Amino acid sequence: MKLSIGVLGLFAMLVTPLIGAAQEAEVSANVGWVSEYYYRGIPQKTSSGSAGLDLSAGAFSAGTWAADVGDGNEVDLYAGLGAETSEGFSVSVGGTGYFYTGDFDDTYLEGNLNAGYQALSAEFSYGTYNTSPKNQTYWFLGITLESAGGFYTTFGTFGKDFSGEYFEAGYGTSVGGLDLSAAWIFSDAELSGTEAKDHNLVFSVGHTFDIN
């Protein structure tokens, strides 16, 4: 598993002063593996390892995450502000950058808005894809419904310069400190990158642990 350890280390150096300044700050790390790496219904790589680092301090959160995409690594940086009420309402706003160390893809920069009420949540992201000869703009809308016992369903769709839709249904649980999940992902031809629709069964295993 090839990961951008240097990026993770740099992020840790940047957030260390914040941790000392905020007593409520919490830092966690995560590692994981997926049998098929899909993101928003788009296939990325078969058998991919990942690792990440997250900081939360009150309403503020930030993190970085890296995954093996074959031709180099995907490295994500993100930050945001969020709030949640006792009645089950939640909202957050932030930004995400997707970067690549190899020639797998180019840079994506997004603004993100998330909202939820109890079992229902929605994400709306508006982004720029930095590629030649002309940058593209796009939006993404994802709606997720979670049910008791760890089951969930997600529908996602793209707009503007991007297009395509996907549907995902899955189940997740924790066993002995490991986060386990299985999901069926169905993507249309535009997201699958082929002339036909794509569907796949994906398995994942991960572990998250506190480091402060």
N, C-alpha and C. Protein backbone atom coordinates (compact mmCIF):
# COMPACT_ATOMS: atom_id res chain seq x y z
N MET A 1 0.85 -1.19 0.00
CA MET A 1 0.00 0.00 0.00
C MET A 1 0.88 1.23 0.00
N LYS A 2 0.82 2.02 -1.08
CA LYS A 2 1.63 3.22 -1.21
C LYS A 2 0.80 4.41 -0.75
N LEU A 3 1.22 5.08 0.30
CA LEU A 3 0.48 6.21 0.84
C LEU A 3 1.40 7.41 0.98
N SER A 4 0.81 8.61 0.91
CA SER A 4 1.59 9.84 1.03
C SER A 4 1.84 10.13 2.51
N ILE A 5 2.81 9.45 3.08
CA ILE A 5 3.14 9.63 4.49
C ILE A 5 3.61 11.06 4.74
N GLY A 6 4.34 11.63 3.77
CA GLY A 6 4.82 13.00 3.94
C GLY A 6 3.69 13.99 4.10
N VAL A 7 2.60 13.81 3.34
CA VAL A 7 1.46 14.71 3.45
C VAL A 7 0.78 14.56 4.80
N LEU A 8 0.63 13.30 5.26
CA LEU A 8 0.03 13.07 6.57
C LEU A 8 0.88 13.68 7.68
N GLY A 9 2.20 13.55 7.54
CA GLY A 9 3.10 14.12 8.55
C GLY A 9 3.03 15.63 8.56
N LEU A 10 2.96 16.25 7.38
CA LEU A 10 2.86 17.71 7.30
C LEU A 10 1.58 18.20 7.94
N PHE A 11 0.47 17.47 7.68
CA PHE A 11 -0.79 17.86 8.29
C PHE A 11 -0.73 17.78 9.81
N ALA A 12 -0.09 16.74 10.31
CA ALA A 12 0.04 16.59 11.76
C ALA A 12 0.83 17.76 12.36
N MET A 13 1.89 18.21 11.65
CA MET A 13 2.67 19.33 12.13
C MET A 13 1.85 20.62 12.16
N LEU A 14 0.97 20.79 11.16
CA LEU A 14 0.17 22.00 11.09
C LEU A 14 -0.90 22.05 12.18
N VAL A 15 -1.48 20.90 12.52
CA VAL A 15 -2.58 20.91 13.48
C VAL A 15 -2.10 20.79 14.93
N THR A 16 -0.84 20.44 15.16
CA THR A 16 -0.34 20.29 16.53
C THR A 16 -0.50 21.56 17.35
N PRO A 17 -0.17 22.77 16.82
CA PRO A 17 -0.39 23.98 17.62
C PRO A 17 -1.86 24.19 17.97
N LEU A 18 -2.77 23.82 17.06
CA LEU A 18 -4.19 23.97 17.35
C LEU A 18 -4.62 23.07 18.50
N ILE A 19 -4.01 21.89 18.56
CA ILE A 19 -4.37 20.95 19.62
C ILE A 19 -3.98 21.51 20.98
N GLY A 20 -2.79 22.11 21.05
CA GLY A 20 -2.34 22.69 22.30
C GLY A 20 -3.19 23.87 22.72
N ALA A 21 -3.73 24.61 21.74
CA ALA A 21 -4.50 25.81 22.05
C ALA A 21 -5.94 25.48 22.43
N ALA A 22 -6.44 24.37 21.97
CA ALA A 22 -7.84 24.02 22.25
C ALA A 22 -7.91 22.73 23.05
N GLN A 23 -8.33 22.85 24.30
CA GLN A 23 -8.37 21.68 25.18
C GLN A 23 -9.36 20.64 24.68
N GLU A 24 -10.39 21.07 23.98
CA GLU A 24 -11.41 20.15 23.51
C GLU A 24 -11.03 19.46 22.22
N ALA A 25 -9.88 19.81 21.63
CA ALA A 25 -9.49 19.22 20.35
C ALA A 25 -9.27 17.72 20.49
N GLU A 26 -9.71 16.98 19.48
CA GLU A 26 -9.53 15.54 19.43
C GLU A 26 -8.90 15.17 18.09
N VAL A 27 -7.96 14.26 18.12
CA VAL A 27 -7.29 13.81 16.90
C VAL A 27 -7.45 12.30 16.80
N SER A 28 -7.80 11.84 15.61
CA SER A 28 -7.94 10.40 15.37
C SER A 28 -7.29 10.05 14.04
N ALA A 29 -6.92 8.80 13.90
CA ALA A 29 -6.34 8.29 12.67
C ALA A 29 -7.14 7.09 12.21
N ASN A 30 -7.06 6.78 10.92
CA ASN A 30 -7.79 5.65 10.39
C ASN A 30 -6.99 4.96 9.30
N VAL A 31 -7.19 3.67 9.18
CA VAL A 31 -6.61 2.88 8.10
C VAL A 31 -7.71 1.99 7.55
N GLY A 32 -7.61 1.65 6.26
CA GLY A 32 -8.67 0.84 5.68
C GLY A 32 -8.26 0.17 4.38
N TRP A 33 -9.13 -0.70 3.93
CA TRP A 33 -8.93 -1.41 2.66
C TRP A 33 -10.30 -1.68 2.05
N VAL A 34 -10.41 -1.53 0.72
CA VAL A 34 -11.64 -1.84 -0.01
C VAL A 34 -11.31 -2.79 -1.15
N SER A 35 -12.24 -3.70 -1.42
CA SER A 35 -12.02 -4.64 -2.52
C SER A 35 -12.11 -3.94 -3.87
N GLU A 36 -12.96 -2.90 -3.96
CA GLU A 36 -13.07 -2.07 -5.15
C GLU A 36 -13.27 -0.64 -4.67
N TYR A 37 -12.38 0.27 -5.06
CA TYR A 37 -12.50 1.65 -4.63
C TYR A 37 -13.43 2.40 -5.60
N TYR A 38 -14.62 2.73 -5.12
CA TYR A 38 -15.57 3.56 -5.85
C TYR A 38 -15.71 4.88 -5.10
N TYR A 39 -15.88 5.98 -5.84
CA TYR A 39 -16.21 7.25 -5.21
C TYR A 39 -17.32 7.91 -5.99
N ARG A 40 -18.43 8.15 -5.34
CA ARG A 40 -19.61 8.73 -5.96
C ARG A 40 -20.02 7.95 -7.21
N GLY A 41 -19.94 6.63 -7.09
CA GLY A 41 -20.35 5.76 -8.18
C GLY A 41 -19.34 5.58 -9.29
N ILE A 42 -18.15 6.19 -9.15
CA ILE A 42 -17.13 6.12 -10.19
C ILE A 42 -16.04 5.15 -9.76
N PRO A 43 -15.76 4.10 -10.54
CA PRO A 43 -14.71 3.15 -10.17
C PRO A 43 -13.33 3.80 -10.25
N GLN A 44 -12.51 3.57 -9.21
CA GLN A 44 -11.17 4.15 -9.14
C GLN A 44 -10.08 3.09 -9.27
N LYS A 45 -10.14 2.05 -8.44
CA LYS A 45 -9.10 1.02 -8.46
C LYS A 45 -9.60 -0.23 -7.76
N THR A 46 -9.16 -1.39 -8.26
CA THR A 46 -9.42 -2.66 -7.60
C THR A 46 -8.43 -2.84 -6.45
N SER A 47 -8.93 -3.19 -5.29
CA SER A 47 -8.11 -3.45 -4.10
C SER A 47 -7.24 -2.24 -3.76
N SER A 48 -7.75 -1.37 -2.89
CA SER A 48 -7.06 -0.14 -2.54
C SER A 48 -6.95 0.01 -1.03
N GLY A 49 -5.75 0.38 -0.56
CA GLY A 49 -5.53 0.68 0.85
C GLY A 49 -5.57 2.17 1.07
N SER A 50 -5.87 2.59 2.30
CA SER A 50 -5.99 4.01 2.60
C SER A 50 -5.60 4.28 4.04
N ALA A 51 -5.33 5.57 4.34
CA ALA A 51 -5.05 6.01 5.69
C ALA A 51 -5.42 7.47 5.81
N GLY A 52 -5.81 7.90 7.00
CA GLY A 52 -6.21 9.28 7.18
C GLY A 52 -5.96 9.79 8.58
N LEU A 53 -6.08 11.11 8.73
CA LEU A 53 -5.87 11.78 10.01
C LEU A 53 -6.92 12.87 10.13
N ASP A 54 -7.61 12.95 11.29
CA ASP A 54 -8.69 13.90 11.48
C ASP A 54 -8.55 14.66 12.79
N LEU A 55 -8.90 15.95 12.74
CA LEU A 55 -8.91 16.82 13.91
C LEU A 55 -10.30 17.40 14.07
N SER A 56 -10.81 17.42 15.30
CA SER A 56 -12.07 18.10 15.58
C SER A 56 -11.90 18.94 16.85
N ALA A 57 -12.42 20.16 16.81
CA ALA A 57 -12.34 21.07 17.95
C ALA A 57 -13.62 21.89 17.97
N GLY A 58 -14.59 21.46 18.75
CA GLY A 58 -15.87 22.14 18.77
C GLY A 58 -16.58 21.97 17.43
N ALA A 59 -16.98 23.11 16.83
CA ALA A 59 -17.68 23.07 15.55
C ALA A 59 -16.73 22.88 14.37
N PHE A 60 -15.43 23.03 14.59
CA PHE A 60 -14.44 22.96 13.51
C PHE A 60 -13.89 21.55 13.36
N SER A 61 -13.69 21.14 12.11
CA SER A 61 -13.05 19.86 11.84
C SER A 61 -12.17 20.01 10.60
N ALA A 62 -11.11 19.21 10.54
CA ALA A 62 -10.21 19.22 9.39
C ALA A 62 -9.55 17.85 9.31
N GLY A 63 -9.06 17.52 8.14
CA GLY A 63 -8.42 16.22 8.00
C GLY A 63 -7.74 16.03 6.67
N THR A 64 -7.07 14.92 6.56
CA THR A 64 -6.46 14.51 5.31
C THR A 64 -6.62 13.00 5.17
N TRP A 65 -6.70 12.56 3.93
CA TRP A 65 -6.92 11.14 3.65
C TRP A 65 -6.19 10.79 2.36
N ALA A 66 -5.54 9.64 2.34
CA ALA A 66 -4.79 9.22 1.15
C ALA A 66 -5.13 7.78 0.80
N ALA A 67 -5.21 7.50 -0.51
CA ALA A 67 -5.54 6.16 -0.98
C ALA A 67 -4.69 5.81 -2.19
N ASP A 68 -4.37 4.53 -2.33
CA ASP A 68 -3.64 4.02 -3.48
C ASP A 68 -4.59 3.94 -4.67
N VAL A 69 -4.23 4.63 -5.76
CA VAL A 69 -5.05 4.56 -6.98
C VAL A 69 -4.27 3.95 -8.14
N GLY A 70 -3.21 3.22 -7.82
CA GLY A 70 -2.44 2.53 -8.85
C GLY A 70 -1.33 3.38 -9.40
N ASP A 71 -1.67 4.42 -10.17
CA ASP A 71 -0.69 5.34 -10.72
C ASP A 71 -0.52 6.49 -9.73
N GLY A 72 0.17 6.22 -8.61
CA GLY A 72 0.32 7.22 -7.56
C GLY A 72 -0.76 7.11 -6.51
N ASN A 73 -0.93 8.20 -5.76
CA ASN A 73 -1.89 8.25 -4.67
C ASN A 73 -2.88 9.38 -4.84
N GLU A 74 -4.08 9.17 -4.37
CA GLU A 74 -5.02 10.26 -4.18
C GLU A 74 -4.81 10.82 -2.79
N VAL A 75 -4.71 12.14 -2.66
CA VAL A 75 -4.52 12.78 -1.36
C VAL A 75 -5.60 13.86 -1.21
N ASP A 76 -6.45 13.73 -0.20
CA ASP A 76 -7.53 14.68 0.03
C ASP A 76 -7.22 15.54 1.25
N LEU A 77 -7.56 16.81 1.15
CA LEU A 77 -7.49 17.74 2.28
C LEU A 77 -8.86 18.38 2.44
N TYR A 78 -9.38 18.47 3.66
CA TYR A 78 -10.72 19.00 3.86
C TYR A 78 -10.83 19.68 5.21
N ALA A 79 -11.78 20.61 5.30
CA ALA A 79 -12.05 21.33 6.55
C ALA A 79 -13.48 21.84 6.51
N GLY A 80 -14.06 22.06 7.70
CA GLY A 80 -15.42 22.55 7.72
C GLY A 80 -15.88 22.95 9.11
N LEU A 81 -17.07 23.53 9.14
CA LEU A 81 -17.75 23.91 10.38
C LEU A 81 -19.11 23.24 10.39
N GLY A 82 -19.50 22.69 11.54
CA GLY A 82 -20.77 21.98 11.62
C GLY A 82 -21.44 22.13 12.96
N ALA A 83 -22.74 21.87 12.99
CA ALA A 83 -23.50 21.93 14.23
C ALA A 83 -24.61 20.88 14.17
N GLU A 84 -25.03 20.42 15.34
CA GLU A 84 -26.08 19.42 15.45
C GLU A 84 -26.94 19.72 16.65
N THR A 85 -28.24 19.55 16.52
CA THR A 85 -29.16 19.81 17.62
C THR A 85 -29.60 18.50 18.26
N SER A 86 -30.17 18.62 19.44
CA SER A 86 -30.65 17.43 20.16
C SER A 86 -31.85 16.80 19.47
N GLU A 87 -32.54 17.56 18.58
CA GLU A 87 -33.68 17.01 17.87
C GLU A 87 -33.29 16.20 16.65
N GLY A 88 -31.99 16.14 16.35
CA GLY A 88 -31.54 15.33 15.22
C GLY A 88 -31.23 16.09 13.96
N PHE A 89 -31.30 17.44 14.00
CA PHE A 89 -30.92 18.25 12.85
C PHE A 89 -29.41 18.46 12.84
N SER A 90 -28.81 18.44 11.66
CA SER A 90 -27.38 18.71 11.54
C SER A 90 -27.12 19.49 10.26
N VAL A 91 -26.09 20.33 10.28
CA VAL A 91 -25.69 21.09 9.10
C VAL A 91 -24.20 21.36 9.18
N SER A 92 -23.54 21.37 8.03
CA SER A 92 -22.11 21.68 7.99
C SER A 92 -21.78 22.31 6.65
N VAL A 93 -20.73 23.14 6.65
CA VAL A 93 -20.25 23.76 5.43
C VAL A 93 -18.73 23.70 5.44
N GLY A 94 -18.12 23.47 4.27
CA GLY A 94 -16.67 23.33 4.24
C GLY A 94 -16.14 23.25 2.83
N GLY A 95 -14.92 22.78 2.72
CA GLY A 95 -14.27 22.66 1.42
C GLY A 95 -13.39 21.43 1.37
N THR A 96 -13.19 20.89 0.17
CA THR A 96 -12.39 19.69 -0.03
C THR A 96 -11.52 19.86 -1.28
N GLY A 97 -10.27 19.43 -1.19
CA GLY A 97 -9.39 19.37 -2.34
C GLY A 97 -8.93 17.95 -2.57
N TYR A 98 -9.00 17.51 -3.83
CA TYR A 98 -8.56 16.17 -4.22
C TYR A 98 -7.33 16.33 -5.10
N PHE A 99 -6.21 15.78 -4.65
CA PHE A 99 -4.94 15.93 -5.35
C PHE A 99 -4.36 14.55 -5.67
N TYR A 100 -3.46 14.49 -6.68
CA TYR A 100 -2.92 13.21 -7.12
C TYR A 100 -1.41 13.33 -7.32
N THR A 101 -0.69 12.33 -6.79
CA THR A 101 0.77 12.35 -6.88
C THR A 101 1.28 11.80 -8.20
N GLY A 102 0.44 11.08 -8.95
CA GLY A 102 0.84 10.51 -10.23
C GLY A 102 0.00 11.08 -11.36
N ASP A 103 -0.14 10.31 -12.42
CA ASP A 103 -0.90 10.75 -13.59
C ASP A 103 -2.31 10.16 -13.64
N PHE A 104 -2.80 9.68 -12.51
CA PHE A 104 -4.13 9.06 -12.49
C PHE A 104 -5.23 10.07 -12.82
N ASP A 105 -5.11 11.29 -12.30
CA ASP A 105 -6.15 12.29 -12.50
C ASP A 105 -5.57 13.67 -12.21
N ASP A 106 -6.41 14.71 -12.38
CA ASP A 106 -6.03 16.08 -12.07
C ASP A 106 -6.74 16.55 -10.81
N THR A 107 -6.58 17.84 -10.48
CA THR A 107 -7.05 18.37 -9.21
C THR A 107 -8.52 18.76 -9.25
N TYR A 108 -9.23 18.42 -8.16
CA TYR A 108 -10.60 18.85 -7.95
C TYR A 108 -10.66 19.72 -6.69
N LEU A 109 -11.34 20.86 -6.77
CA LEU A 109 -11.54 21.73 -5.61
C LEU A 109 -13.03 21.96 -5.43
N GLU A 110 -13.55 21.71 -4.22
CA GLU A 110 -14.99 21.76 -3.98
C GLU A 110 -15.36 22.60 -2.77
N GLY A 111 -16.54 23.19 -2.83
CA GLY A 111 -17.23 23.69 -1.66
C GLY A 111 -18.34 22.70 -1.32
N ASN A 112 -18.51 22.39 -0.04
CA ASN A 112 -19.43 21.33 0.38
C ASN A 112 -20.46 21.85 1.37
N LEU A 113 -21.71 21.45 1.18
CA LEU A 113 -22.79 21.76 2.12
C LEU A 113 -23.50 20.46 2.45
N ASN A 114 -23.62 20.17 3.74
CA ASN A 114 -24.28 18.94 4.19
C ASN A 114 -25.37 19.29 5.20
N ALA A 115 -26.48 18.57 5.11
CA ALA A 115 -27.57 18.76 6.06
C ALA A 115 -28.25 17.42 6.32
N GLY A 116 -28.80 17.29 7.51
CA GLY A 116 -29.45 16.02 7.83
C GLY A 116 -30.52 16.19 8.90
N TYR A 117 -31.44 15.25 8.89
CA TYR A 117 -32.44 15.17 9.95
C TYR A 117 -32.67 13.71 10.26
N GLN A 118 -32.24 13.30 11.46
CA GLN A 118 -32.35 11.92 11.91
C GLN A 118 -31.72 10.96 10.89
N ALA A 119 -32.50 10.11 10.25
CA ALA A 119 -31.92 9.08 9.37
C ALA A 119 -31.64 9.57 7.96
N LEU A 120 -32.11 10.79 7.61
CA LEU A 120 -31.98 11.30 6.25
C LEU A 120 -30.91 12.38 6.20
N SER A 121 -30.00 12.29 5.22
CA SER A 121 -28.96 13.30 5.06
C SER A 121 -28.74 13.59 3.58
N ALA A 122 -28.23 14.79 3.30
CA ALA A 122 -27.99 15.21 1.93
C ALA A 122 -26.68 15.97 1.84
N GLU A 123 -25.99 15.79 0.72
CA GLU A 123 -24.75 16.51 0.43
C GLU A 123 -24.90 17.23 -0.90
N PHE A 124 -24.51 18.52 -0.92
CA PHE A 124 -24.43 19.25 -2.18
C PHE A 124 -23.04 19.85 -2.28
N SER A 125 -22.34 19.51 -3.35
CA SER A 125 -20.98 20.01 -3.57
C SER A 125 -20.89 20.68 -4.93
N TYR A 126 -20.18 21.80 -4.97
CA TYR A 126 -19.95 22.53 -6.22
C TYR A 126 -18.45 22.65 -6.40
N GLY A 127 -17.94 22.19 -7.55
CA GLY A 127 -16.49 22.11 -7.69
C GLY A 127 -15.95 22.53 -9.04
N THR A 128 -14.63 22.61 -9.07
CA THR A 128 -13.87 22.90 -10.29
C THR A 128 -12.89 21.78 -10.53
N TYR A 129 -12.86 21.30 -11.77
CA TYR A 129 -11.92 20.25 -12.18
C TYR A 129 -10.84 20.91 -13.00
N ASN A 130 -9.61 20.91 -12.48
CA ASN A 130 -8.49 21.59 -13.12
C ASN A 130 -7.82 20.68 -14.13
N THR A 131 -8.22 20.79 -15.37
CA THR A 131 -7.66 19.97 -16.42
C THR A 131 -7.53 20.81 -17.69
N SER A 132 -6.61 20.44 -18.56
CA SER A 132 -6.41 21.19 -19.80
C SER A 132 -7.30 20.59 -20.90
N PRO A 133 -7.69 21.37 -21.91
CA PRO A 133 -7.26 22.77 -22.10
C PRO A 133 -8.12 23.77 -21.35
N LYS A 134 -9.23 23.35 -20.73
CA LYS A 134 -10.13 24.27 -20.06
C LYS A 134 -10.67 23.62 -18.80
N ASN A 135 -10.64 24.38 -17.68
CA ASN A 135 -11.22 23.87 -16.44
C ASN A 135 -12.72 23.64 -16.60
N GLN A 136 -13.22 22.62 -15.88
CA GLN A 136 -14.64 22.31 -15.90
C GLN A 136 -15.24 22.57 -14.53
N THR A 137 -16.52 22.92 -14.51
CA THR A 137 -17.24 23.08 -13.25
C THR A 137 -18.35 22.03 -13.18
N TYR A 138 -18.69 21.63 -11.98
CA TYR A 138 -19.69 20.58 -11.79
C TYR A 138 -20.35 20.73 -10.44
N TRP A 139 -21.48 20.08 -10.29
CA TRP A 139 -22.08 19.94 -8.97
C TRP A 139 -22.45 18.48 -8.74
N PHE A 140 -22.52 18.13 -7.47
CA PHE A 140 -22.90 16.77 -7.09
C PHE A 140 -23.93 16.84 -5.98
N LEU A 141 -24.98 16.04 -6.09
CA LEU A 141 -26.00 15.92 -5.05
C LEU A 141 -26.13 14.47 -4.65
N GLY A 142 -25.98 14.21 -3.36
CA GLY A 142 -26.14 12.86 -2.84
C GLY A 142 -27.13 12.85 -1.69
N ILE A 143 -28.04 11.89 -1.68
CA ILE A 143 -29.05 11.75 -0.63
C ILE A 143 -28.93 10.35 -0.04
N THR A 144 -28.82 10.27 1.29
CA THR A 144 -28.62 8.99 1.97
C THR A 144 -29.69 8.78 3.03
N LEU A 145 -30.24 7.59 3.06
CA LEU A 145 -31.21 7.19 4.08
C LEU A 145 -30.63 6.01 4.85
N GLU A 146 -30.50 6.18 6.15
CA GLU A 146 -29.99 5.12 7.02
C GLU A 146 -31.14 4.50 7.79
N SER A 147 -31.05 3.21 8.00
CA SER A 147 -32.08 2.52 8.76
C SER A 147 -31.47 1.83 9.96
N ALA A 148 -32.31 1.40 10.86
CA ALA A 148 -31.83 0.73 12.06
C ALA A 148 -31.07 -0.54 11.70
N GLY A 149 -29.99 -0.76 12.42
CA GLY A 149 -29.23 -1.98 12.22
C GLY A 149 -28.05 -1.85 11.28
N GLY A 150 -27.80 -0.64 10.76
CA GLY A 150 -26.61 -0.44 9.94
C GLY A 150 -26.83 -0.44 8.44
N PHE A 151 -28.07 -0.59 7.98
CA PHE A 151 -28.36 -0.57 6.55
C PHE A 151 -28.50 0.88 6.06
N TYR A 152 -28.14 1.11 4.79
CA TYR A 152 -28.27 2.44 4.22
C TYR A 152 -28.47 2.35 2.71
N THR A 153 -29.03 3.40 2.13
CA THR A 153 -29.15 3.53 0.68
C THR A 153 -28.74 4.95 0.30
N THR A 154 -28.08 5.10 -0.84
CA THR A 154 -27.63 6.40 -1.32
C THR A 154 -27.94 6.55 -2.80
N PHE A 155 -28.44 7.72 -3.18
CA PHE A 155 -28.60 8.07 -4.58
C PHE A 155 -27.77 9.31 -4.85
N GLY A 156 -26.98 9.30 -5.94
CA GLY A 156 -26.14 10.43 -6.27
C GLY A 156 -26.27 10.80 -7.73
N THR A 157 -26.15 12.11 -8.02
CA THR A 157 -26.25 12.59 -9.39
C THR A 157 -25.35 13.80 -9.60
N PHE A 158 -24.82 13.96 -10.82
CA PHE A 158 -23.94 15.06 -11.18
C PHE A 158 -24.64 16.01 -12.15
N GLY A 159 -24.14 17.28 -12.21
CA GLY A 159 -24.67 18.25 -13.13
C GLY A 159 -23.61 19.19 -13.66
N LYS A 160 -24.02 20.09 -14.54
CA LYS A 160 -23.18 21.03 -15.29
C LYS A 160 -22.26 20.27 -16.25
N ASP A 161 -20.93 20.47 -16.15
CA ASP A 161 -20.02 19.82 -17.10
C ASP A 161 -19.88 18.32 -16.88
N PHE A 162 -20.29 17.83 -15.72
CA PHE A 162 -20.30 16.40 -15.43
C PHE A 162 -21.73 15.89 -15.47
N SER A 163 -21.89 14.60 -15.72
CA SER A 163 -23.23 14.01 -15.69
C SER A 163 -23.12 12.55 -15.29
N GLY A 164 -24.20 12.00 -14.82
CA GLY A 164 -24.24 10.61 -14.42
C GLY A 164 -24.96 10.42 -13.11
N GLU A 165 -25.43 9.20 -12.87
CA GLU A 165 -26.15 8.87 -11.65
C GLU A 165 -25.71 7.50 -11.14
N TYR A 166 -25.85 7.31 -9.84
CA TYR A 166 -25.56 6.00 -9.27
C TYR A 166 -26.46 5.74 -8.08
N PHE A 167 -26.57 4.46 -7.74
CA PHE A 167 -27.34 4.02 -6.58
C PHE A 167 -26.48 3.05 -5.78
N GLU A 168 -26.50 3.21 -4.46
CA GLU A 168 -25.71 2.34 -3.59
C GLU A 168 -26.56 1.87 -2.42
N ALA A 169 -26.49 0.60 -2.11
CA ALA A 169 -27.17 0.04 -0.96
C ALA A 169 -26.18 -0.82 -0.19
N GLY A 170 -26.12 -0.64 1.12
CA GLY A 170 -25.10 -1.37 1.86
C GLY A 170 -25.45 -1.58 3.32
N TYR A 171 -24.52 -2.22 3.99
CA TYR A 171 -24.65 -2.54 5.41
C TYR A 171 -23.29 -2.41 6.06
N GLY A 172 -23.25 -1.78 7.25
CA GLY A 172 -22.01 -1.63 7.98
C GLY A 172 -22.17 -1.99 9.44
N THR A 173 -21.13 -2.52 10.03
CA THR A 173 -21.14 -2.89 11.44
C THR A 173 -19.72 -2.86 11.99
N SER A 174 -19.58 -2.93 13.30
CA SER A 174 -18.27 -2.96 13.95
C SER A 174 -18.13 -4.26 14.71
N VAL A 175 -16.99 -4.91 14.54
CA VAL A 175 -16.70 -6.17 15.22
C VAL A 175 -15.27 -6.12 15.73
N GLY A 176 -15.11 -6.19 17.05
CA GLY A 176 -13.78 -6.23 17.63
C GLY A 176 -12.92 -5.04 17.27
N GLY A 177 -13.52 -3.85 17.17
CA GLY A 177 -12.77 -2.66 16.84
C GLY A 177 -12.58 -2.43 15.35
N LEU A 178 -13.05 -3.34 14.52
CA LEU A 178 -12.96 -3.19 13.07
C LEU A 178 -14.30 -2.75 12.51
N ASP A 179 -14.26 -1.82 11.56
CA ASP A 179 -15.46 -1.39 10.86
C ASP A 179 -15.56 -2.19 9.57
N LEU A 180 -16.65 -2.97 9.45
CA LEU A 180 -16.84 -3.85 8.30
C LEU A 180 -18.06 -3.38 7.51
N SER A 181 -17.99 -3.46 6.19
CA SER A 181 -19.14 -3.07 5.38
C SER A 181 -19.17 -3.84 4.07
N ALA A 182 -20.35 -3.94 3.52
CA ALA A 182 -20.56 -4.52 2.20
C ALA A 182 -21.58 -3.65 1.49
N ALA A 183 -21.36 -3.38 0.20
CA ALA A 183 -22.26 -2.50 -0.53
C ALA A 183 -22.38 -2.95 -1.98
N TRP A 184 -23.59 -2.77 -2.51
CA TRP A 184 -23.84 -3.00 -3.94
C TRP A 184 -23.95 -1.64 -4.58
N ILE A 185 -23.15 -1.38 -5.61
CA ILE A 185 -23.09 -0.09 -6.28
C ILE A 185 -23.48 -0.26 -7.74
N PHE A 186 -24.48 0.53 -8.17
CA PHE A 186 -24.95 0.48 -9.54
C PHE A 186 -24.73 1.86 -10.17
N SER A 187 -23.90 1.94 -11.22
CA SER A 187 -23.58 3.20 -11.87
C SER A 187 -24.05 3.17 -13.32
N ASP A 188 -24.50 4.33 -13.83
CA ASP A 188 -24.87 4.38 -15.24
C ASP A 188 -23.62 4.41 -16.11
N ALA A 189 -23.81 4.36 -17.42
CA ALA A 189 -22.68 4.24 -18.34
C ALA A 189 -21.74 5.43 -18.26
N GLU A 190 -22.26 6.62 -17.98
CA GLU A 190 -21.42 7.81 -17.92
C GLU A 190 -20.45 7.76 -16.75
N LEU A 191 -20.88 7.23 -15.62
CA LEU A 191 -19.99 7.12 -14.47
C LEU A 191 -19.07 5.91 -14.56
N SER A 192 -19.53 4.85 -15.17
CA SER A 192 -18.71 3.63 -15.25
C SER A 192 -17.57 3.79 -16.24
N GLY A 193 -17.67 4.75 -17.15
CA GLY A 193 -16.62 4.96 -18.13
C GLY A 193 -16.62 3.96 -19.26
N THR A 194 -17.71 3.23 -19.40
CA THR A 194 -17.85 2.24 -20.47
C THR A 194 -19.15 2.50 -21.22
N GLU A 195 -19.43 1.66 -22.19
CA GLU A 195 -20.67 1.82 -22.95
C GLU A 195 -21.85 1.15 -22.25
N ALA A 196 -21.59 0.50 -21.14
CA ALA A 196 -22.65 -0.21 -20.43
C ALA A 196 -22.72 0.25 -18.98
N LYS A 197 -23.88 0.01 -18.37
CA LYS A 197 -24.03 0.29 -16.95
C LYS A 197 -23.17 -0.68 -16.15
N ASP A 198 -22.79 -0.26 -14.96
CA ASP A 198 -21.85 -1.04 -14.16
C ASP A 198 -22.46 -1.32 -12.78
N HIS A 199 -22.27 -2.53 -12.29
CA HIS A 199 -22.66 -2.82 -10.91
C HIS A 199 -21.63 -3.74 -10.29
N ASN A 200 -21.43 -3.56 -8.99
CA ASN A 200 -20.39 -4.33 -8.32
C ASN A 200 -20.71 -4.46 -6.84
N LEU A 201 -20.25 -5.55 -6.25
CA LEU A 201 -20.36 -5.78 -4.81
C LEU A 201 -19.00 -5.47 -4.19
N VAL A 202 -19.00 -4.55 -3.23
CA VAL A 202 -17.77 -4.03 -2.66
C VAL A 202 -17.71 -4.36 -1.17
N PHE A 203 -16.55 -4.82 -0.71
CA PHE A 203 -16.32 -5.10 0.71
C PHE A 203 -15.22 -4.18 1.24
N SER A 204 -15.35 -3.80 2.49
CA SER A 204 -14.33 -2.94 3.10
C SER A 204 -14.11 -3.30 4.55
N VAL A 205 -12.91 -3.00 5.04
CA VAL A 205 -12.56 -3.17 6.43
C VAL A 205 -11.70 -1.98 6.85
N GLY A 206 -11.94 -1.45 8.04
CA GLY A 206 -11.19 -0.30 8.51
C GLY A 206 -11.10 -0.26 10.02
N HIS A 207 -10.23 0.61 10.50
CA HIS A 207 -10.07 0.79 11.94
C HIS A 207 -9.75 2.24 12.21
N THR A 208 -10.45 2.84 13.18
CA THR A 208 -10.21 4.22 13.60
C THR A 208 -9.79 4.22 15.06
N PHE A 209 -8.77 5.03 15.38
CA PHE A 209 -8.28 5.05 16.75
C PHE A 209 -7.88 6.47 17.12
N ASP A 210 -8.08 6.81 18.40
CA ASP A 210 -7.70 8.11 18.93
C ASP A 210 -6.19 8.16 19.17
N ILE A 211 -5.60 9.33 18.92
CA ILE A 211 -4.15 9.46 19.13
C ILE A 211 -3.84 10.63 20.07
N ASN A 212 -4.82 11.10 20.85
CA ASN A 212 -4.52 12.12 21.86
C ASN A 212 -5.35 11.85 23.12
